[in-house]
N, C-alpha and C. Protein backbone atom coordinates (compact mmCIF):
# COMPACT_ATOMS: atom_id res chain seq x y z
N UNK A 1 -44.38 -49.03 16.67
CA UNK A 1 -46.08 -49.32 16.69
C UNK A 1 -46.79 -48.34 16.71
N UNK A 2 -46.18 -47.16 16.89
CA UNK A 2 -46.63 -45.74 16.58
C UNK A 2 -46.88 -45.46 15.40
N UNK A 3 -46.10 -45.34 14.60
CA UNK A 3 -45.97 -45.32 13.14
C UNK A 3 -47.23 -46.19 12.56
N UNK A 4 -47.68 -47.41 13.03
CA UNK A 4 -48.57 -48.21 12.36
C UNK A 4 -49.97 -47.62 13.04
N UNK A 5 -50.19 -47.06 13.93
CA UNK A 5 -51.18 -46.66 14.64
C UNK A 5 -51.59 -45.36 13.83
N UNK A 6 -50.55 -44.51 13.65
CA UNK A 6 -50.87 -43.22 12.63
C UNK A 6 -50.75 -43.57 11.58
N UNK A 7 -51.05 -44.74 10.87
CA UNK A 7 -51.45 -45.00 9.21
C UNK A 7 -52.90 -45.03 9.21
N UNK A 8 -52.93 -45.66 10.78
CA UNK A 8 -54.34 -46.59 10.62
C UNK A 8 -55.47 -45.72 10.98
N UNK A 9 -55.11 -44.53 11.77
CA UNK A 9 -55.86 -43.53 11.97
C UNK A 9 -56.00 -42.36 10.81
N UNK A 10 -54.75 -42.17 9.88
CA UNK A 10 -55.73 -41.28 9.01
C UNK A 10 -56.93 -41.40 8.13
N UNK A 11 -56.88 -42.90 7.77
CA UNK A 11 -58.23 -42.70 6.85
C UNK A 11 -58.88 -42.56 7.81
N UNK A 12 -59.19 -43.41 9.05
CA UNK A 12 -60.45 -43.10 9.74
C UNK A 12 -60.79 -42.28 9.51
N UNK A 13 -59.98 -40.95 10.29
CA UNK A 13 -60.52 -39.77 10.26
C UNK A 13 -60.88 -39.02 8.76
N UNK A 14 -60.24 -39.43 7.80
CA UNK A 14 -60.75 -39.25 6.74
C UNK A 14 -62.23 -39.60 6.54
N UNK A 15 -62.95 -40.86 6.71
CA UNK A 15 -63.32 -41.21 6.39
C UNK A 15 -64.83 -40.83 7.37
N UNK A 16 -64.34 -40.37 8.67
CA UNK A 16 -65.12 -39.74 9.40
C UNK A 16 -66.39 -38.30 8.84
N UNK A 17 -64.64 -37.61 8.29
CA UNK A 17 -64.94 -35.92 8.01
C UNK A 17 -66.32 -36.17 6.78
N UNK A 18 -65.73 -37.44 5.94
CA UNK A 18 -66.48 -37.00 4.70
C UNK A 18 -68.30 -37.53 5.47
N UNK A 19 -67.79 -38.28 6.17
CA UNK A 19 -69.25 -38.86 6.77
C UNK A 19 -70.23 -37.44 6.84
N UNK A 20 -69.78 -36.51 7.43
CA UNK A 20 -70.44 -35.51 8.35
C UNK A 20 -70.86 -34.33 7.56
N UNK A 21 -70.13 -34.16 6.05
CA UNK A 21 -70.61 -33.61 4.85
C UNK A 21 -71.84 -33.78 4.60
N UNK A 22 -72.70 -32.46 4.51
CA UNK A 22 -73.75 -32.80 4.11
C UNK A 22 -74.49 -33.05 2.43
N UNK A 23 -75.03 -33.85 1.92
CA UNK A 23 -75.16 -34.02 0.35
C UNK A 23 -75.19 -33.37 -0.58
N UNK A 24 -74.99 -33.07 -1.72
CA UNK A 24 -74.61 -32.47 -2.84
C UNK A 24 -75.38 -31.80 -3.24
N UNK A 25 -77.20 -32.16 -2.82
CA UNK A 25 -78.21 -31.95 -3.33
C UNK A 25 -78.83 -30.49 -2.48
N UNK A 26 -78.26 -30.76 -0.97
CA UNK A 26 -78.89 -29.37 -0.14
C UNK A 26 -78.11 -28.16 -0.88
N UNK A 27 -76.97 -28.10 -0.83
CA UNK A 27 -76.11 -27.53 -1.69
C UNK A 27 -76.65 -26.75 -3.46
N UNK A 28 -77.41 -27.55 -3.94
CA UNK A 28 -77.85 -27.28 -5.23
C UNK A 28 -79.08 -26.65 -5.21
N UNK A 29 -79.82 -27.10 -3.61
CA UNK A 29 -81.43 -26.57 -4.15
C UNK A 29 -80.91 -24.84 -3.24
N UNK A 30 -79.80 -24.82 -2.33
CA UNK A 30 -79.81 -23.53 -2.15
C UNK A 30 -79.51 -22.11 -2.97
N UNK A 31 -78.61 -22.99 -4.05
CA UNK A 31 -78.33 -22.16 -5.13
C UNK A 31 -79.34 -22.24 -6.16
N UNK A 32 -80.27 -22.53 -6.33
CA UNK A 32 -81.59 -22.76 -6.96
C UNK A 32 -82.04 -21.23 -6.55
N UNK A 33 -82.55 -21.63 -5.08
CA UNK A 33 -83.50 -20.75 -4.67
C UNK A 33 -82.98 -18.85 -4.35
N UNK A 34 -81.65 -19.20 -3.85
CA UNK A 34 -80.93 -18.21 -4.06
C UNK A 34 -80.88 -17.52 -5.63
N UNK A 35 -80.40 -18.11 -6.55
CA UNK A 35 -80.59 -17.35 -7.84
C UNK A 35 -81.90 -17.30 -8.12
N UNK A 36 -82.98 -17.16 -7.65
CA UNK A 36 -84.15 -16.81 -7.75
C UNK A 36 -84.31 -15.22 -7.39
N UNK A 37 -83.68 -15.59 -6.29
CA UNK A 37 -83.93 -13.74 -5.79
C UNK A 37 -83.10 -12.98 -5.89
N UNK A 38 -81.66 -13.50 -6.57
CA UNK A 38 -81.27 -11.95 -6.89
C UNK A 38 -82.05 -11.08 -8.41
N UNK A 39 -81.41 -9.78 -7.88
CA UNK A 39 -82.28 -8.93 -9.19
C UNK A 39 -80.89 -8.25 -9.23
N UNK A 40 -80.38 -8.16 -10.61
CA UNK A 40 -79.84 -7.12 -10.73
C UNK A 40 -79.47 -5.56 -10.50
N UNK A 41 -78.62 -5.04 -10.42
CA UNK A 41 -78.95 -3.38 -10.44
C UNK A 41 -78.20 -2.73 -11.33
N UNK A 42 -78.24 -2.00 -12.22
CA UNK A 42 -77.67 -1.43 -13.60
C UNK A 42 -78.00 -0.28 -12.89
N UNK A 43 -76.74 0.93 -12.88
CA UNK A 43 -76.84 2.52 -12.99
C UNK A 43 -77.63 2.38 -14.25
N UNK A 44 -78.17 3.67 -14.15
CA UNK A 44 -78.96 3.96 -15.56
C UNK A 44 -77.72 4.86 -16.05
N UNK A 45 -77.85 5.24 -17.97
CA UNK A 45 -76.77 6.22 -18.21
C UNK A 45 -77.14 7.51 -17.91
N UNK A 46 -76.12 7.90 -17.92
CA UNK A 46 -75.92 9.44 -18.17
C UNK A 46 -76.35 10.23 -19.48
N UNK A 47 -77.57 11.37 -18.97
CA UNK A 47 -77.68 11.98 -19.90
C UNK A 47 -76.68 12.42 -21.50
N UNK A 48 -76.67 11.88 -22.79
CA UNK A 48 -76.05 12.67 -22.97
C UNK A 48 -75.98 14.34 -23.20
N UNK A 49 -74.63 14.91 -23.78
CA UNK A 49 -74.42 15.81 -23.68
C UNK A 49 -75.08 16.95 -24.94
N UNK A 50 -75.77 17.50 -25.17
CA UNK A 50 -76.54 18.29 -26.71
C UNK A 50 -75.14 18.39 -27.54
N UNK A 51 -74.94 17.92 -28.42
CA UNK A 51 -73.90 18.19 -29.46
C UNK A 51 -74.08 19.79 -29.97
N UNK A 52 -72.90 20.67 -30.12
CA UNK A 52 -73.52 22.04 -30.88
C UNK A 52 -72.49 22.27 -31.98
N UNK A 53 -72.88 22.61 -32.95
CA UNK A 53 -71.42 22.79 -33.69
C UNK A 53 -71.45 24.26 -33.77
N UNK A 54 -69.94 24.36 -34.10
CA UNK A 54 -69.63 25.29 -34.35
C UNK A 54 -68.97 26.02 -35.79
N UNK A 55 -69.08 26.93 -35.92
CA UNK A 55 -68.55 27.49 -37.64
C UNK A 55 -67.36 28.44 -37.16
N UNK A 56 -66.33 27.68 -38.01
CA UNK A 56 -65.43 28.67 -38.17
C UNK A 56 -65.35 29.56 -39.49
N UNK A 57 -65.68 30.65 -39.31
CA UNK A 57 -65.20 31.64 -40.42
C UNK A 57 -63.71 32.12 -40.65
N UNK A 58 -63.16 31.75 -41.28
CA UNK A 58 -62.39 32.57 -41.55
C UNK A 58 -61.77 33.63 -42.68
N UNK A 59 -62.52 33.96 -43.05
CA UNK A 59 -62.88 35.16 -44.07
C UNK A 59 -62.24 36.41 -43.73
N UNK A 60 -61.38 37.03 -43.98
CA UNK A 60 -60.82 38.19 -43.95
C UNK A 60 -59.43 37.99 -43.04
N UNK A 61 -59.04 36.61 -42.88
CA UNK A 61 -57.81 36.02 -42.03
C UNK A 61 -56.94 35.92 -42.86
N UNK A 62 -55.48 35.90 -42.26
CA UNK A 62 -54.54 35.38 -43.27
C UNK A 62 -54.30 33.89 -42.90
N UNK A 63 -54.51 33.17 -44.40
CA UNK A 63 -54.07 31.96 -44.15
C UNK A 63 -52.80 31.42 -43.23
N UNK A 64 -52.92 31.00 -41.94
CA UNK A 64 -51.23 30.85 -41.63
C UNK A 64 -50.07 29.83 -42.47
N UNK A 65 -50.85 29.26 -43.67
CA UNK A 65 -49.85 28.10 -44.54
C UNK A 65 -49.31 28.90 -45.75
N UNK A 66 -49.83 30.05 -46.01
CA UNK A 66 -49.73 30.96 -47.45
C UNK A 66 -48.28 31.32 -47.00
N UNK A 67 -47.48 30.66 -47.77
CA UNK A 67 -45.61 31.21 -47.85
C UNK A 67 -45.76 32.43 -49.06
N UNK A 68 -46.62 32.72 -49.99
CA UNK A 68 -46.46 34.12 -50.15
C UNK A 68 -46.08 35.48 -49.18
N UNK A 69 -46.78 34.93 -47.95
CA UNK A 69 -46.18 35.90 -47.02
C UNK A 69 -44.97 36.38 -46.42
N UNK A 70 -43.98 35.18 -46.95
CA UNK A 70 -42.72 35.60 -46.92
C UNK A 70 -42.12 35.72 -47.53
N UNK A 71 -42.11 35.76 -49.22
CA UNK A 71 -41.74 36.57 -50.92
C UNK A 71 -41.86 37.77 -50.43
N UNK A 72 -40.40 38.88 -50.38
CA UNK A 72 -41.19 40.27 -51.03
C UNK A 72 -41.75 40.60 -51.99
N UNK A 73 -41.03 39.60 -53.01
CA UNK A 73 -41.64 39.90 -54.14
C UNK A 73 -43.22 39.66 -54.84
N UNK A 74 -43.64 38.90 -54.06
CA UNK A 74 -45.18 38.27 -53.59
C UNK A 74 -45.94 39.59 -53.53
N UNK A 75 -47.59 39.76 -53.88
CA UNK A 75 -48.29 40.65 -53.38
C UNK A 75 -49.22 40.74 -52.51
N UNK A 76 -48.77 39.03 -51.54
CA UNK A 76 -49.25 39.25 -50.34
C UNK A 76 -48.33 39.33 -49.42
N UNK A 77 -47.21 40.01 -49.63
CA UNK A 77 -46.81 40.30 -48.50
C UNK A 77 -46.77 41.62 -47.60
N UNK A 78 -47.25 41.76 -46.68
CA UNK A 78 -48.07 42.82 -46.32
C UNK A 78 -47.09 43.56 -45.58
N UNK A 79 -46.16 43.18 -44.75
CA UNK A 79 -45.27 44.64 -44.01
C UNK A 79 -43.93 44.57 -44.80
N UNK A 80 -43.34 44.22 -46.15
CA UNK A 80 -42.27 44.18 -46.49
C UNK A 80 -41.81 45.72 -47.29
N UNK A 81 -42.74 46.32 -47.63
CA UNK A 81 -42.58 47.60 -47.69
C UNK A 81 -41.92 48.47 -46.68
N UNK A 82 -42.87 48.65 -45.59
CA UNK A 82 -42.62 49.13 -44.37
C UNK A 82 -41.76 48.51 -43.61
N UNK A 83 -41.19 47.00 -43.37
CA UNK A 83 -40.08 46.65 -42.72
C UNK A 83 -38.44 46.94 -43.78
N UNK A 84 -38.85 47.45 -44.76
CA UNK A 84 -37.70 48.02 -45.99
C UNK A 84 -36.93 48.94 -45.58
N UNK A 85 -38.63 49.79 -45.41
CA UNK A 85 -37.85 51.16 -44.88
C UNK A 85 -37.45 51.40 -43.35
N UNK A 86 -38.00 50.64 -42.35
CA UNK A 86 -36.63 50.65 -41.05
C UNK A 86 -35.89 50.24 -41.07
N UNK A 87 -35.34 49.41 -41.91
CA UNK A 87 -33.98 48.39 -42.10
C UNK A 87 -33.25 49.73 -43.28
N UNK A 88 -33.66 50.00 -43.75
CA UNK A 88 -32.99 51.40 -44.38
C UNK A 88 -32.92 52.43 -43.77
N UNK A 89 -33.55 52.98 -43.03
CA UNK A 89 -33.16 53.57 -41.96
C UNK A 89 -32.30 53.64 -40.80
N UNK A 90 -32.23 52.02 -40.48
CA UNK A 90 -31.64 51.52 -39.58
C UNK A 90 -29.54 51.72 -39.94
N UNK A 91 -29.95 51.04 -41.55
CA UNK A 91 -28.68 51.13 -41.93
C UNK A 91 -27.96 52.55 -41.67
N UNK A 92 -28.74 53.86 -42.35
CA UNK A 92 -28.23 55.18 -42.23
C UNK A 92 -27.79 55.77 -40.61
N UNK A 93 -28.83 55.60 -39.28
CA UNK A 93 -28.40 55.83 -38.29
C UNK A 93 -27.32 55.07 -38.17
N UNK A 94 -26.64 53.92 -38.28
CA UNK A 94 -25.80 53.19 -37.69
C UNK A 94 -25.38 53.39 -36.67
N UNK A 95 -26.61 53.03 -35.58
CA UNK A 95 -26.29 52.71 -34.12
C UNK A 95 -25.87 52.08 -33.17
N UNK A 96 -24.54 51.56 -32.48
CA UNK A 96 -24.45 50.52 -31.80
C UNK A 96 -25.22 49.70 -31.13
N UNK A 97 -26.40 50.78 -30.84
CA UNK A 97 -27.20 49.47 -29.51
C UNK A 97 -28.40 49.19 -29.98
N UNK A 98 -28.62 49.74 -31.86
CA UNK A 98 -29.44 48.85 -32.42
C UNK A 98 -29.47 47.36 -33.24
N UNK A 99 -28.22 46.98 -32.46
CA UNK A 99 -27.27 45.81 -32.99
C UNK A 99 -27.19 44.50 -31.65
N UNK A 100 -28.17 45.00 -31.00
CA UNK A 100 -28.09 44.04 -29.80
C UNK A 100 -29.86 44.07 -29.03
N UNK A 101 -29.82 43.10 -28.61
CA UNK A 101 -31.77 42.81 -28.22
C UNK A 101 -31.77 43.69 -26.78
N UNK A 102 -32.48 44.19 -27.10
CA UNK A 102 -32.96 45.05 -25.30
C UNK A 102 -33.08 44.10 -24.03
N UNK A 103 -32.79 42.90 -23.93
CA UNK A 103 -32.82 42.13 -22.94
C UNK A 103 -31.54 42.15 -22.27
N UNK A 104 -30.33 42.28 -22.70
CA UNK A 104 -28.48 42.06 -22.96
C UNK A 104 -28.35 43.74 -22.71
N UNK A 105 -29.14 44.45 -22.40
CA UNK A 105 -29.12 46.25 -22.13
C UNK A 105 -29.40 46.29 -20.79
N UNK A 106 -28.80 46.98 -20.38
CA UNK A 106 -28.56 47.50 -18.52
C UNK A 106 -28.83 49.16 -18.86
N UNK A 107 -29.44 49.69 -17.89
CA UNK A 107 -29.99 51.45 -18.09
C UNK A 107 -28.66 51.77 -16.63
N UNK A 108 -27.89 51.71 -16.17
CA UNK A 108 -26.84 52.28 -15.27
C UNK A 108 -27.25 53.88 -15.02
N UNK A 109 -27.56 54.67 -15.70
CA UNK A 109 -27.69 55.83 -15.52
C UNK A 109 -28.58 56.92 -15.72
N UNK A 110 -29.21 57.99 -15.42
CA UNK A 110 -29.88 58.98 -16.00
C UNK A 110 -29.01 60.27 -15.77
N UNK A 111 -28.63 61.09 -16.71
CA UNK A 111 -28.57 62.59 -16.01
C UNK A 111 -29.06 63.93 -16.82
N UNK A 112 -28.85 64.34 -16.65
CA UNK A 112 -29.81 65.89 -17.33
C UNK A 112 -28.13 67.21 -17.39
N UNK A 113 -28.25 67.31 -19.23
CA UNK A 113 -27.40 67.83 -19.67
C UNK A 113 -27.66 69.12 -20.52
N UNK A 114 -27.55 70.24 -19.94
CA UNK A 114 -28.12 71.35 -20.51
C UNK A 114 -29.63 71.15 -20.54
N UNK A 115 -30.43 70.97 -19.31
CA UNK A 115 -31.74 70.71 -19.76
C UNK A 115 -32.29 70.08 -20.59
N UNK A 116 -31.52 68.83 -20.82
CA UNK A 116 -32.09 67.08 -21.77
C UNK A 116 -31.43 66.71 -20.93
N UNK A 117 -32.88 65.08 -20.74
CA UNK A 117 -32.16 64.11 -20.35
C UNK A 117 -31.68 62.82 -21.07
N UNK A 118 -30.87 62.80 -20.67
CA UNK A 118 -30.10 61.85 -21.00
C UNK A 118 -30.00 60.10 -20.70
N UNK A 119 -29.93 59.08 -20.94
CA UNK A 119 -30.00 57.62 -20.22
C UNK A 119 -28.01 57.20 -20.97
N UNK A 120 -27.22 56.58 -19.84
CA UNK A 120 -26.66 55.80 -20.16
C UNK A 120 -26.52 54.12 -20.09
N UNK A 121 -26.85 53.98 -21.25
CA UNK A 121 -27.02 52.38 -21.71
C UNK A 121 -25.81 51.49 -21.23
N UNK A 122 -25.85 50.67 -20.62
CA UNK A 122 -24.71 49.37 -21.11
C UNK A 122 -24.79 48.43 -21.90
N UNK A 123 -24.07 47.91 -22.96
CA UNK A 123 -23.86 46.65 -23.68
C UNK A 123 -22.78 45.89 -23.59
N UNK A 124 -22.06 44.75 -23.23
CA UNK A 124 -20.51 44.39 -23.66
C UNK A 124 -19.92 45.38 -23.30
N UNK A 125 -19.62 45.79 -22.24
CA UNK A 125 -18.95 47.05 -21.92
C UNK A 125 -18.69 48.07 -22.78
N UNK A 126 -19.27 48.31 -23.61
CA UNK A 126 -19.76 49.61 -24.47
C UNK A 126 -20.54 50.69 -23.78
N UNK A 127 -20.94 51.80 -23.35
CA UNK A 127 -21.56 52.65 -22.77
C UNK A 127 -22.64 53.87 -23.83
N UNK A 128 -23.13 53.97 -24.15
CA UNK A 128 -23.90 54.65 -24.54
C UNK A 128 -24.48 55.73 -24.52
N UNK A 129 -24.62 57.19 -24.87
CA UNK A 129 -26.18 57.69 -24.43
C UNK A 129 -27.10 58.07 -24.99
N UNK A 130 -28.13 57.85 -24.82
CA UNK A 130 -29.75 57.80 -25.53
C UNK A 130 -30.24 58.87 -24.84
N UNK A 131 -31.11 59.97 -25.96
CA UNK A 131 -32.41 60.54 -25.66
C UNK A 131 -33.37 60.47 -26.23
N UNK A 132 -34.20 61.12 -25.68
CA UNK A 132 -35.90 61.01 -26.36
C UNK A 132 -35.74 60.92 -27.99
N UNK A 133 -35.93 60.30 -28.85
CA UNK A 133 -36.22 60.29 -30.35
C UNK A 133 -34.71 59.08 -30.90
N UNK A 134 -34.17 58.29 -30.06
CA UNK A 134 -33.02 57.52 -30.43
C UNK A 134 -33.74 56.52 -30.53
N UNK A 135 -32.86 55.30 -31.28
CA UNK A 135 -33.77 53.98 -31.69
C UNK A 135 -32.54 53.28 -30.82
N UNK A 136 -33.59 51.93 -29.76
CA UNK A 136 -32.13 51.24 -29.67
C UNK A 136 -32.80 49.52 -29.41
N UNK A 137 -32.24 48.93 -29.88
CA UNK A 137 -32.59 47.21 -29.43
C UNK A 137 -32.63 46.97 -31.48
N UNK A 138 -33.19 45.66 -30.99
CA UNK A 138 -33.29 44.62 -32.77
C UNK A 138 -34.12 45.05 -33.13
N UNK A 139 -35.76 45.30 -32.52
CA UNK A 139 -37.29 45.69 -32.99
C UNK A 139 -37.34 46.92 -33.04
N UNK A 140 -36.36 47.44 -33.74
CA UNK A 140 -36.74 49.06 -33.90
C UNK A 140 -37.37 50.24 -32.72
N UNK A 141 -37.03 50.01 -31.46
CA UNK A 141 -37.10 50.85 -30.43
C UNK A 141 -36.88 52.19 -30.52
N UNK A 142 -37.97 52.82 -30.42
CA UNK A 142 -37.33 54.35 -30.18
C UNK A 142 -37.82 54.46 -29.20
N UNK A 143 -37.15 55.40 -28.06
CA UNK A 143 -36.97 56.03 -26.91
C UNK A 143 -37.98 57.25 -27.05
N UNK A 144 -39.23 56.91 -26.05
CA UNK A 144 -39.88 57.79 -26.30
C UNK A 144 -40.15 58.88 -24.32
N UNK A 145 -39.77 58.10 -24.16
CA UNK A 145 -39.99 58.89 -22.00
C UNK A 145 -38.02 58.90 -21.49
N UNK A 146 -37.76 59.49 -21.09
CA UNK A 146 -36.97 59.12 -19.83
C UNK A 146 -37.26 59.45 -18.58
N UNK A 147 -37.36 59.21 -17.43
CA UNK A 147 -37.65 59.10 -16.37
C UNK A 147 -36.51 59.20 -15.21
N UNK A 148 -36.82 59.24 -14.05
CA UNK A 148 -35.55 58.96 -13.54
C UNK A 148 -35.13 57.73 -13.13
N UNK A 149 -35.97 56.70 -13.37
CA UNK A 149 -35.50 55.60 -13.22
C UNK A 149 -36.00 54.22 -14.13
N UNK A 150 -36.30 55.01 -15.40
CA UNK A 150 -36.32 54.17 -16.09
C UNK A 150 -36.99 54.63 -17.75
N UNK A 151 -36.47 54.02 -18.86
CA UNK A 151 -36.92 55.11 -20.25
C UNK A 151 -37.95 53.68 -20.95
N UNK A 152 -39.06 54.59 -21.14
CA UNK A 152 -39.69 53.94 -22.14
C UNK A 152 -39.61 53.87 -23.33
N UNK A 153 -39.80 52.55 -24.56
CA UNK A 153 -39.37 52.15 -25.48
C UNK A 153 -40.85 52.16 -26.51
N UNK A 154 -41.11 52.68 -27.50
CA UNK A 154 -42.03 51.93 -28.63
C UNK A 154 -41.12 50.84 -29.71
N UNK A 155 -41.12 49.53 -29.48
CA UNK A 155 -40.98 48.99 -30.91
C UNK A 155 -41.77 48.73 -31.40
N UNK A 156 -41.27 47.85 -32.60
CA UNK A 156 -42.35 48.00 -33.64
C UNK A 156 -41.74 46.36 -34.19
N UNK A 157 -42.70 44.93 -33.62
CA UNK A 157 -43.12 43.81 -34.09
C UNK A 157 -44.20 43.51 -35.01
N UNK A 158 -43.55 42.26 -35.57
CA UNK A 158 -44.46 41.88 -36.92
C UNK A 158 -45.62 41.02 -36.04
N UNK A 159 -46.77 41.18 -36.20
CA UNK A 159 -47.65 40.30 -35.76
C UNK A 159 -47.90 39.05 -36.02
N UNK A 160 -47.87 37.86 -36.38
CA UNK A 160 -47.27 36.42 -37.03
C UNK A 160 -48.98 36.22 -37.33
N UNK A 161 -49.94 36.85 -36.62
CA UNK A 161 -51.40 35.71 -37.04
C UNK A 161 -51.94 37.20 -38.39
N UNK A 162 -51.85 37.98 -38.18
CA UNK A 162 -51.88 38.89 -39.10
C UNK A 162 -51.18 39.71 -40.05
N UNK A 163 -49.86 39.46 -40.10
CA UNK A 163 -49.10 39.66 -40.57
C UNK A 163 -48.78 41.10 -41.16
N UNK A 164 -48.83 42.34 -40.18
CA UNK A 164 -48.86 42.88 -40.04
C UNK A 164 -47.54 43.60 -38.99
N UNK A 165 -47.29 45.07 -38.89
CA UNK A 165 -46.12 45.35 -38.12
C UNK A 165 -47.55 46.11 -36.80
N UNK A 166 -46.90 46.03 -35.52
CA UNK A 166 -47.55 46.52 -34.57
C UNK A 166 -46.75 47.14 -33.72
N UNK A 167 -47.11 48.18 -32.56
CA UNK A 167 -46.13 48.30 -31.99
C UNK A 167 -46.76 47.85 -30.69
N UNK A 168 -45.38 48.21 -29.52
CA UNK A 168 -45.17 47.19 -28.54
C UNK A 168 -44.17 48.59 -27.68
N UNK A 169 -45.19 48.15 -26.21
CA UNK A 169 -44.04 49.35 -25.50
C UNK A 169 -43.39 48.86 -24.57
N UNK A 170 -42.33 49.01 -24.97
CA UNK A 170 -41.15 48.47 -23.44
C UNK A 170 -40.72 49.03 -22.99
N UNK A 171 -40.49 48.57 -21.08
CA UNK A 171 -39.22 49.75 -20.55
C UNK A 171 -37.94 48.85 -20.05
N UNK A 172 -37.10 49.95 -20.10
CA UNK A 172 -35.94 49.41 -19.63
C UNK A 172 -35.53 50.41 -18.03
N UNK A 173 -35.33 49.63 -17.00
CA UNK A 173 -35.40 50.01 -15.87
C UNK A 173 -33.47 50.39 -15.39
N UNK A 174 -33.84 51.01 -14.48
CA UNK A 174 -32.16 51.31 -13.87
C UNK A 174 -31.84 50.69 -13.26
N UNK A 175 -30.35 49.94 -13.53
CA UNK A 175 -30.07 49.02 -12.37
C UNK A 175 -29.38 48.85 -11.57
N UNK A 176 -29.82 49.17 -9.95
CA UNK A 176 -29.24 49.76 -8.94
C UNK A 176 -27.99 48.48 -8.22
N UNK A 177 -27.32 48.66 -7.66
CA UNK A 177 -26.20 47.60 -7.04
C UNK A 177 -26.79 47.59 -5.85
N UNK A 178 -27.08 46.45 -5.26
CA UNK A 178 -27.43 46.46 -3.99
C UNK A 178 -25.90 46.23 -2.73
N UNK A 179 -26.34 46.82 -1.67
CA UNK A 179 -24.64 47.12 -0.87
C UNK A 179 -24.29 45.72 -0.51
N UNK A 180 -22.91 45.68 -0.48
CA UNK A 180 -22.32 44.65 -0.17
C UNK A 180 -21.75 43.71 -1.24
N UNK A 181 -21.98 44.12 -2.75
CA UNK A 181 -21.84 43.51 -3.74
C UNK A 181 -21.06 44.43 -4.99
């Protein structure tokens, strides 16, 4: 009997709920009234940035795509003669320290022999003495000064943007061992 009562009660409750709902016309009138009061708010567009043209003037500059710079026989090769002279001088010197990059060298000591300062440089378990005027490193590094804790070099490197050899200063510092090592 309980299930019969339940089955009869559910449709009666549904009818009661439907009768309690307001008619659809009220909802449509409310929507129409509200839609007349709505004002869209669109923000103003930002001001356009003024476009300025920039003129690229490459007159007097080297063309980065010019392959004649790489050919020693061409007229446009700016450093061929100077580089050739530096390489010829390197072959005549036959210095071991010119076959290694500066980064692989260690300055392990400074000494003063017969009033001339010398620097001891170690590379690949080879120790060489260097004085002012000697060349070391792959970039034609000329030793210009020897001080108590460093040596100063003047290297010749090619400036790829301009195609000329430029001077670059480099310093090799004295390597000291920390205690306990």
